[in-house]
Amino acid sequence: MASGGGGAAAARSPLIVGYYGMRNAGDNAFCLVLDHALRRYWGTESPLFAAPTLPGLAPEACTLSGRWFTAERTTLRAGRVLGKLAGLRHASMLLFGGGSVFRDMGPLSEKRAFSWWSRMTGKPMAAVGVSVGPFVSVAAERRLGRVLRRIEYLAVRDAASYDRALAAGCRGRLVLAADLAGLLPEAIDVSALRRVADGETPSLRPRLGVTVVGRDPELDDAARRRREDGIIEAVRAVADHDGVDVTVLVFNDHPERGDNAVSRRLAERLPRTGTHRVVTAAEGVGALIAALAQCDACLHVRLHGAIFSYVLGIPFALVPYQPKCDDFLEEIGQPYELRLPRVPATAEVRAVIHRLLSHPSPPSLDREAFAERARRNFTEAPWQVARAAA
């Protein structure tokens, strides 16, 4: 495999693919970080996102129509795939940007077409800020292994992914980096968002931010309901008995795959006392960050709720609904007294909330060290250009 894939020309106009357009704030944040970091560290001139128009991105940079993202029907999924393939006509390379994109792969996956395109054109495939595995099946692992062996540059966000990529026979440059959201404070003027938040009427009551997850195919319905009930009852109790205001943060408001129903159930259980609010992904990544900046502590099921809290310096706990959550907590050295099981009881959740609102121990990994690891997604690549240090 040729190193560098054409040098700087390869990074001029990459087509960036991921789990975009599904109204998920974490994935939308990846796009904002990538738009900033690719220009700064790779000298990218015209990044192309296989996504519908997103707040914070130039409309011409978004190559897909929003009509393909209204539901999860076969015809709409086919439209998304065809739109991505059409975007390759103008692409200098194919870049997987963030998320759990190397976990599953069917026999007709778009990744097969991306690999064929790379082989036929000589243009590179790369990936930054991604997870590798846990694979959903042996067949998916075998298919993904063929794609991973084709990728010229692979930067992963946790050590478990690094080990899986090695085991899969990755032949390109493999880098242990961190989640792209670690560069949010660099890509977005978080201080300005904090000033907006601080400009609102302050409250003497502590404020707890909460995210939940509406869909978890790896957990049966009974266990998922126990988890939801345990979290909802714990949050209701601290709001009712401990004088805590609550902000319900809906990180995914997709009508079919999102968190709307369980977030609404949580909001409806909150007492009438206090000033509770709901902020959704539809309001944009900036609005969610501004709402988080007002929180004294956060309880998350959404992984990127936890990552946002961490990079903003807000004490948090994360219910690890998938292995990638445990991987993140291990990477940052989250104190064990702030860890929760996958299906926690009400008493466990309430006890952790009390610790968060009193004197919680911070993660052992310094936030700037995490940001530097996130920066490695770009600075270790063969397309890095000489730019001023971050």
Protein backbone atom coordinates (compact mmCIF):
# COMPACT_ATOMS: atom_id res chain seq x y z
CA MET A 1 0.00 0.00 0.00
CA ALA A 2 1.44 3.32 -1.04
CA SER A 3 2.20 5.55 1.91
CA GLY A 4 0.55 8.94 2.01
CA GLY A 5 -1.98 8.27 -0.76
CA GLY A 6 -0.84 11.19 -2.92
CA GLY A 7 0.44 13.49 -0.19
CA ALA A 8 -1.34 16.76 0.51
CA ALA A 9 -3.59 16.34 -2.53
CA ALA A 10 -5.25 13.35 -0.86
CA ALA A 11 -6.46 15.49 2.03
CA ARG A 12 -7.73 18.37 -0.10
CA SER A 13 -11.37 17.28 -0.29
CA PRO A 14 -12.13 14.08 1.66
CA LEU A 15 -15.58 12.54 1.71
CA ILE A 16 -16.28 12.00 5.41
CA VAL A 17 -18.69 9.23 6.35
CA GLY A 18 -20.14 8.18 9.68
CA TYR A 19 -23.41 7.79 11.51
CA TYR A 20 -24.47 11.27 10.45
CA GLY A 21 -27.93 12.67 9.84
CA MET A 22 -29.65 10.52 12.47
CA ARG A 23 -30.25 13.45 14.83
CA ASN A 24 -27.57 12.33 17.26
CA ALA A 25 -25.67 15.16 18.97
CA GLY A 26 -22.53 13.09 19.46
CA ASP A 27 -22.18 12.36 15.75
CA ASN A 28 -23.08 15.94 14.81
CA ALA A 29 -20.28 17.08 17.12
CA PHE A 30 -17.85 14.86 15.20
CA CYS A 31 -18.65 16.83 12.06
CA LEU A 32 -17.92 20.17 13.74
CA VAL A 33 -14.62 18.88 15.12
CA LEU A 34 -13.62 17.36 11.80
CA ASP A 35 -14.42 20.53 9.87
CA HIS A 36 -12.08 22.44 12.18
CA ALA A 37 -9.32 19.87 12.64
CA LEU A 38 -8.98 18.75 9.02
CA ARG A 39 -8.48 22.33 7.88
CA ARG A 40 -6.02 23.06 10.67
CA TYR A 41 -3.94 19.89 10.74
CA TRP A 42 -4.26 18.45 7.22
CA GLY A 43 -4.69 21.63 5.22
CA THR A 44 -8.04 20.40 3.90
CA GLU A 45 -9.68 22.95 1.63
CA SER A 46 -13.15 21.53 0.96
CA PRO A 47 -14.26 18.76 3.33
CA LEU A 48 -17.37 16.92 2.16
CA PHE A 49 -19.72 15.36 4.72
CA ALA A 50 -22.00 12.47 3.79
CA ALA A 51 -24.75 14.12 5.83
CA PRO A 52 -27.74 16.41 5.43
CA THR A 53 -27.28 20.08 6.28
CA LEU A 54 -26.10 20.45 9.88
CA PRO A 55 -25.87 23.61 12.02
CA GLY A 56 -22.30 24.89 12.01
CA LEU A 57 -21.37 23.44 8.60
CA ALA A 58 -21.51 25.21 5.26
CA PRO A 59 -24.55 23.88 3.31
CA GLU A 60 -22.38 23.10 0.28
CA ALA A 61 -20.20 20.80 2.43
CA CYS A 62 -23.16 18.50 3.15
CA THR A 63 -23.74 16.12 0.27
CA LEU A 64 -26.96 14.28 1.20
CA SER A 65 -30.60 15.31 1.15
CA GLY A 66 -32.47 15.31 4.45
CA ARG A 67 -35.28 13.28 2.87
CA TRP A 68 -33.17 10.11 3.19
CA PHE A 69 -33.09 10.42 7.00
CA THR A 70 -36.76 10.69 7.93
CA ALA A 71 -37.16 7.00 8.81
CA GLU A 72 -35.41 3.62 8.73
CA ARG A 73 -37.09 2.14 5.65
CA THR A 74 -35.13 0.11 3.11
CA THR A 75 -35.69 2.61 0.29
CA LEU A 76 -34.37 5.47 2.44
CA ARG A 77 -31.32 3.49 3.54
CA ALA A 78 -30.63 2.72 -0.11
CA GLY A 79 -30.91 6.42 -0.92
CA ARG A 80 -28.34 7.25 1.76
CA VAL A 81 -25.89 4.68 0.39
CA LEU A 82 -26.30 5.83 -3.21
CA GLY A 83 -25.82 9.43 -2.10
CA LYS A 84 -22.55 8.55 -0.38
CA LEU A 85 -21.28 6.71 -3.42
CA ALA A 86 -22.20 9.67 -5.63
CA GLY A 87 -20.16 11.91 -3.33
CA LEU A 88 -17.04 9.91 -4.13
CA ARG A 89 -16.93 11.54 -7.59
CA HIS A 90 -15.58 14.72 -6.01
CA ALA A 91 -13.56 13.14 -3.19
CA SER A 92 -9.79 13.06 -2.84
CA MET A 93 -10.03 10.30 -0.20
CA LEU A 94 -12.59 8.44 1.91
CA LEU A 95 -12.49 9.18 5.65
CA PHE A 96 -14.48 7.41 8.36
CA GLY A 97 -14.99 10.12 10.97
CA GLY A 98 -15.78 9.02 14.53
CA GLY A 99 -18.13 6.53 16.11
CA SER A 100 -18.67 2.77 16.20
CA VAL A 101 -18.42 2.30 12.45
CA PHE A 102 -16.38 -0.92 12.60
CA ARG A 103 -18.72 -3.10 14.59
CA ASP A 104 -21.07 -4.59 12.03
CA MET A 105 -20.92 -5.18 8.27
CA GLY A 106 -23.40 -7.05 6.11
CA PRO A 107 -22.60 -8.75 2.78
CA LEU A 108 -23.92 -5.74 0.81
CA SER A 109 -22.35 -3.03 3.00
CA GLU A 110 -21.29 0.32 1.57
CA LYS A 111 -17.84 -0.37 3.04
CA ARG A 112 -17.30 -2.98 0.33
CA ALA A 113 -17.97 -0.31 -2.32
CA PHE A 114 -15.63 2.14 -0.55
CA SER A 115 -12.85 -0.47 -0.58
CA TRP A 116 -13.42 -1.16 -4.28
CA TRP A 117 -13.33 2.58 -5.04
CA SER A 118 -10.06 3.00 -3.15
CA ARG A 119 -8.49 0.07 -4.94
CA MET A 120 -9.62 1.23 -8.40
CA THR A 121 -8.70 4.91 -7.99
CA GLY A 122 -5.62 4.60 -5.80
CA LYS A 123 -7.13 7.16 -3.45
CA PRO A 124 -6.72 6.30 0.23
CA MET A 125 -9.20 5.23 2.87
CA ALA A 126 -8.59 6.41 6.42
CA ALA A 127 -10.42 6.55 9.75
CA VAL A 128 -10.09 8.84 12.78
CA GLY A 129 -11.64 8.72 16.23
CA VAL A 130 -13.37 5.38 15.63
CA SER A 131 -14.06 2.28 17.65
CA VAL A 132 -13.23 -1.18 16.33
CA GLY A 133 -15.62 -3.84 17.63
CA PRO A 134 -16.93 -5.47 19.66
CA PHE A 135 -18.04 -7.27 16.49
CA VAL A 136 -21.66 -8.38 16.32
CA SER A 137 -20.82 -11.70 14.65
CA VAL A 138 -17.97 -13.79 13.31
CA ALA A 139 -19.12 -13.00 9.77
CA ALA A 140 -19.08 -9.25 10.48
CA GLU A 141 -15.59 -9.55 11.98
CA ARG A 142 -14.33 -11.36 8.88
CA ARG A 143 -15.82 -8.78 6.49
CA LEU A 144 -14.59 -5.83 8.57
CA GLY A 145 -11.13 -7.37 8.72
CA ARG A 146 -10.89 -7.11 4.93
CA VAL A 147 -11.84 -3.42 5.10
CA LEU A 148 -9.46 -2.67 7.98
CA ARG A 149 -6.59 -4.24 6.06
CA ARG A 150 -7.32 -1.83 3.20
CA ILE A 151 -7.26 1.32 5.37
CA GLU A 152 -4.07 3.35 5.06
CA TYR A 153 -4.40 5.28 8.33
CA LEU A 154 -6.47 4.17 11.32
CA ALA A 155 -6.69 6.24 14.52
CA VAL A 156 -8.82 4.62 17.21
CA ARG A 157 -10.35 6.13 20.30
CA ASP A 158 -9.53 3.48 22.93
CA ALA A 159 -7.03 0.76 23.74
CA ALA A 160 -9.56 -2.06 23.24
CA SER A 161 -10.11 -0.91 19.66
CA TYR A 162 -6.35 -0.74 19.10
CA ASP A 163 -5.98 -4.37 20.19
CA ARG A 164 -8.87 -5.50 17.98
CA ALA A 165 -7.45 -3.67 14.97
CA LEU A 166 -4.09 -5.37 15.49
CA ALA A 167 -5.80 -8.76 15.78
CA ALA A 168 -7.74 -8.04 12.57
CA GLY A 169 -4.46 -7.63 10.70
CA CYS A 170 -4.51 -3.86 10.11
CA ARG A 171 -1.71 -3.10 7.63
CA GLY A 172 -1.77 0.69 7.61
CA ARG A 173 -0.53 3.13 10.21
CA LEU A 174 -2.39 2.40 13.46
CA VAL A 175 -2.58 5.10 16.15
CA LEU A 176 -4.10 5.07 19.63
CA ALA A 177 -5.81 8.45 19.94
CA ALA A 178 -9.07 9.45 21.67
CA ASP A 179 -12.65 10.38 20.90
CA LEU A 180 -12.97 13.32 18.52
CA ALA A 181 -15.15 15.14 21.05
CA GLY A 182 -11.97 15.72 23.06
CA LEU A 183 -11.32 18.59 20.64
CA LEU A 184 -14.71 20.26 21.12
CA PRO A 185 -13.20 23.09 23.22
CA GLU A 186 -10.76 23.73 20.37
CA ALA A 187 -13.35 23.53 17.59
CA ILE A 188 -16.16 25.45 19.31
CA ASP A 189 -15.96 28.63 21.36
CA VAL A 190 -17.04 26.93 24.58
CA SER A 191 -16.16 30.02 26.62
CA ALA A 192 -18.73 32.04 24.64
CA LEU A 193 -21.35 29.37 25.26
CA ARG A 194 -20.49 29.46 28.95
CA ARG A 195 -20.99 33.24 28.97
CA VAL A 196 -24.42 32.76 27.40
CA ALA A 197 -25.29 30.21 30.05
CA ASP A 198 -23.89 32.32 32.87
CA GLY A 199 -25.88 35.30 31.64
CA GLU A 200 -29.13 33.59 32.56
CA THR A 201 -30.70 34.04 35.99
CA PRO A 202 -28.59 32.00 38.43
CA SER A 203 -30.18 29.56 40.86
CA LEU A 204 -29.07 28.69 44.36
CA ARG A 205 -30.22 25.10 43.81
CA PRO A 206 -27.74 22.59 42.36
CA ARG A 207 -28.49 21.46 38.82
CA LEU A 208 -28.16 17.89 37.54
CA GLY A 209 -27.94 17.11 33.82
CA VAL A 210 -29.33 13.73 32.72
CA THR A 211 -29.22 11.75 29.46
CA VAL A 212 -30.98 8.46 28.86
CA VAL A 213 -31.05 5.99 25.97
CA GLY A 214 -34.25 4.97 24.24
CA ARG A 215 -32.97 1.98 22.32
CA ASP A 216 -30.61 -0.78 23.40
CA PRO A 217 -30.89 -3.92 21.23
CA GLU A 218 -28.38 -5.77 23.41
CA LEU A 219 -30.65 -5.62 26.47
CA ASP A 220 -34.03 -7.35 26.75
CA ASP A 221 -37.12 -5.21 27.33
CA ALA A 222 -37.48 -6.17 31.01
CA ALA A 223 -33.87 -5.24 31.86
CA ARG A 224 -34.06 -2.04 29.84
CA ARG A 225 -37.23 -1.04 31.72
CA ARG A 226 -35.56 -1.79 35.08
CA ARG A 227 -32.66 0.46 34.12
CA GLU A 228 -34.96 3.27 33.05
CA ASP A 229 -37.06 2.95 36.21
CA GLY A 230 -33.98 2.91 38.45
CA ILE A 231 -32.61 6.08 36.87
CA ILE A 232 -35.94 7.91 36.72
CA GLU A 233 -36.83 7.16 40.33
CA ALA A 234 -33.37 8.18 41.58
CA VAL A 235 -33.47 11.48 39.69
CA ARG A 236 -37.04 12.15 40.86
CA ALA A 237 -36.00 11.46 44.47
CA VAL A 238 -33.04 13.87 44.47
CA ALA A 239 -35.18 16.52 42.74
CA ASP A 240 -38.01 16.06 45.21
CA HIS A 241 -36.13 15.53 48.48
CA ASP A 242 -32.75 17.18 47.95
CA GLY A 243 -33.79 20.37 46.15
CA VAL A 244 -32.00 19.61 42.87
CA ASP A 245 -33.01 21.15 39.54
CA VAL A 246 -32.80 18.84 36.54
CA THR A 247 -31.94 19.42 32.88
CA VAL A 248 -33.01 16.52 30.67
CA LEU A 249 -30.62 16.45 27.71
CA VAL A 250 -31.96 14.58 24.68
CA PHE A 251 -28.82 13.69 22.73
CA ASN A 252 -30.72 11.70 20.10
CA ASP A 253 -34.17 12.92 19.09
CA HIS A 254 -34.66 10.69 16.03
CA PRO A 255 -38.36 9.71 15.96
CA GLU A 256 -37.62 5.98 15.62
CA ARG A 257 -34.15 5.42 17.10
CA GLY A 258 -33.91 8.27 19.58
CA ASP A 259 -34.49 8.96 23.27
CA ASN A 260 -37.69 11.00 23.09
CA ALA A 261 -40.10 8.64 24.84
CA VAL A 262 -37.93 7.78 27.85
CA SER A 263 -36.76 11.41 28.19
CA ARG A 264 -40.39 12.52 28.24
CA ARG A 265 -41.19 9.91 30.88
CA LEU A 266 -38.32 11.22 33.02
CA ALA A 267 -39.42 14.85 32.59
CA GLU A 268 -43.01 14.00 33.53
CA ARG A 269 -41.85 12.37 36.77
CA LEU A 270 -40.02 15.44 38.00
CA PRO A 271 -41.70 17.38 40.82
CA ARG A 272 -43.35 20.72 40.14
CA THR A 273 -40.97 22.41 42.57
CA GLY A 274 -37.76 23.76 41.07
CA THR A 275 -36.85 24.86 37.56
CA HIS A 276 -36.53 21.80 35.35
CA ARG A 277 -35.96 21.96 31.61
CA VAL A 278 -35.52 19.82 28.50
CA VAL A 279 -32.92 20.56 25.80
CA THR A 280 -32.84 18.46 22.63
CA ALA A 281 -30.43 17.67 19.81
CA ALA A 282 -32.70 19.61 17.45
CA GLU A 283 -31.49 22.80 19.17
CA GLY A 284 -27.93 22.04 18.08
CA VAL A 285 -24.65 20.94 19.66
CA GLY A 286 -24.04 24.47 20.94
CA ALA A 287 -27.33 24.55 22.82
CA LEU A 288 -26.56 21.23 24.51
CA ILE A 289 -23.09 22.44 25.51
CA ALA A 290 -24.54 25.67 26.90
CA ALA A 291 -27.06 23.65 28.92
CA LEU A 292 -24.33 21.34 30.19
CA ALA A 293 -22.26 24.34 31.23
CA GLN A 294 -25.00 25.27 33.69
CA CYS A 295 -24.95 21.86 35.38
CA ASP A 296 -23.11 21.15 38.62
CA ALA A 297 -23.01 17.43 37.84
CA CYS A 298 -24.37 15.00 35.27
CA LEU A 299 -25.74 11.47 35.14
CA HIS A 300 -25.46 9.92 31.69
CA VAL A 301 -26.41 6.85 29.77
CA ARG A 302 -25.44 8.46 26.45
CA LEU A 303 -21.67 8.06 25.99
CA HIS A 304 -21.24 11.46 24.41
CA GLY A 305 -23.11 13.12 27.23
CA ALA A 306 -20.34 11.76 29.45
CA ILE A 307 -17.57 12.82 27.07
CA PHE A 308 -19.01 16.34 26.73
CA SER A 309 -19.19 16.60 30.53
CA TYR A 310 -15.63 15.38 30.90
CA VAL A 311 -14.12 17.84 28.41
CA LEU A 312 -16.10 20.67 30.05
CA GLY A 313 -14.83 19.70 33.51
CA ILE A 314 -18.26 18.78 34.89
CA PRO A 315 -18.42 15.87 37.40
CA PHE A 316 -20.33 12.97 35.85
CA ALA A 317 -21.29 9.33 36.13
CA LEU A 318 -21.97 7.05 33.18
CA VAL A 319 -24.22 3.99 33.09
CA PRO A 320 -22.24 1.74 30.72
CA TYR A 321 -24.92 0.50 28.35
CA GLN A 322 -22.33 -0.75 25.83
CA PRO A 323 -18.69 -1.92 26.15
CA LYS A 324 -17.51 1.32 24.48
CA CYS A 325 -18.68 3.12 27.64
CA ASP A 326 -16.46 0.94 29.84
CA ASP A 327 -13.59 1.50 27.40
CA PHE A 328 -13.97 5.28 27.76
CA LEU A 329 -14.12 5.13 31.57
CA GLU A 330 -10.96 3.03 31.61
CA GLU A 331 -9.18 5.43 29.25
CA ILE A 332 -9.79 8.47 31.47
CA GLY A 333 -9.41 6.69 34.81
CA GLN A 334 -12.91 7.32 36.14
CA PRO A 335 -12.95 6.79 39.95
CA TYR A 336 -14.56 3.50 40.90
CA GLU A 337 -16.84 5.13 43.47
CA LEU A 338 -18.53 6.94 40.56
CA ARG A 339 -19.07 3.83 38.45
CA LEU A 340 -22.40 2.12 37.99
CA PRO A 341 -23.48 -1.29 36.65
CA ARG A 342 -25.31 -1.66 33.37
CA VAL A 343 -28.68 -2.00 35.09
CA PRO A 344 -28.34 -0.04 38.33
CA ALA A 345 -30.89 0.02 41.13
CA THR A 346 -32.44 3.27 42.31
CA ALA A 347 -30.38 3.30 45.52
CA GLU A 348 -27.11 2.88 43.58
CA VAL A 349 -27.93 5.74 41.24
CA ARG A 350 -29.04 8.04 44.03
CA ALA A 351 -25.87 7.36 46.03
CA VAL A 352 -23.67 8.24 43.03
CA ILE A 353 -25.64 11.44 42.39
CA HIS A 354 -25.01 12.49 46.00
CA ARG A 355 -21.26 11.88 45.52
CA LEU A 356 -21.28 13.89 42.31
CA LEU A 357 -22.94 16.85 44.02
CA SER A 358 -20.66 16.79 47.06
CA HIS A 359 -16.92 16.29 46.55
CA PRO A 360 -16.34 13.86 43.66
CA SER A 361 -12.86 12.72 42.72
CA PRO A 362 -11.92 13.72 39.16
CA PRO A 363 -10.80 11.22 36.51
CA SER A 364 -7.09 10.49 36.71
CA LEU A 365 -6.46 11.54 33.09
CA ASP A 366 -6.09 15.31 32.82
CA ARG A 367 -8.47 16.89 30.28
CA GLU A 368 -5.66 18.52 28.33
CA ALA A 369 -3.93 15.15 28.09
CA PHE A 370 -7.16 13.74 26.68
CA ALA A 371 -7.36 16.63 24.20
CA GLU A 372 -3.78 15.93 23.12
CA ARG A 373 -4.70 12.30 22.54
CA ALA A 374 -7.68 13.44 20.47
CA ARG A 375 -5.36 15.72 18.50
CA ARG A 376 -3.26 12.67 17.60
CA ASN A 377 -6.08 11.58 15.29
CA PHE A 378 -4.75 14.27 12.96
CA THR A 379 -1.17 15.02 13.97
CA GLU A 380 0.00 11.42 13.50
CA ALA A 381 -1.43 11.11 10.00
CA PRO A 382 0.70 11.13 6.83
CA TRP A 383 -1.28 14.16 5.62
CA GLN A 384 -0.39 16.42 8.53
CA VAL A 385 0.80 19.86 7.48
CA ALA A 386 2.99 22.27 9.43
CA ARG A 387 0.65 24.45 11.46
CA ALA A 388 0.86 26.41 14.69
CA ALA A 389 0.58 24.26 17.79
CA ALA A 390 -2.88 23.99 19.35
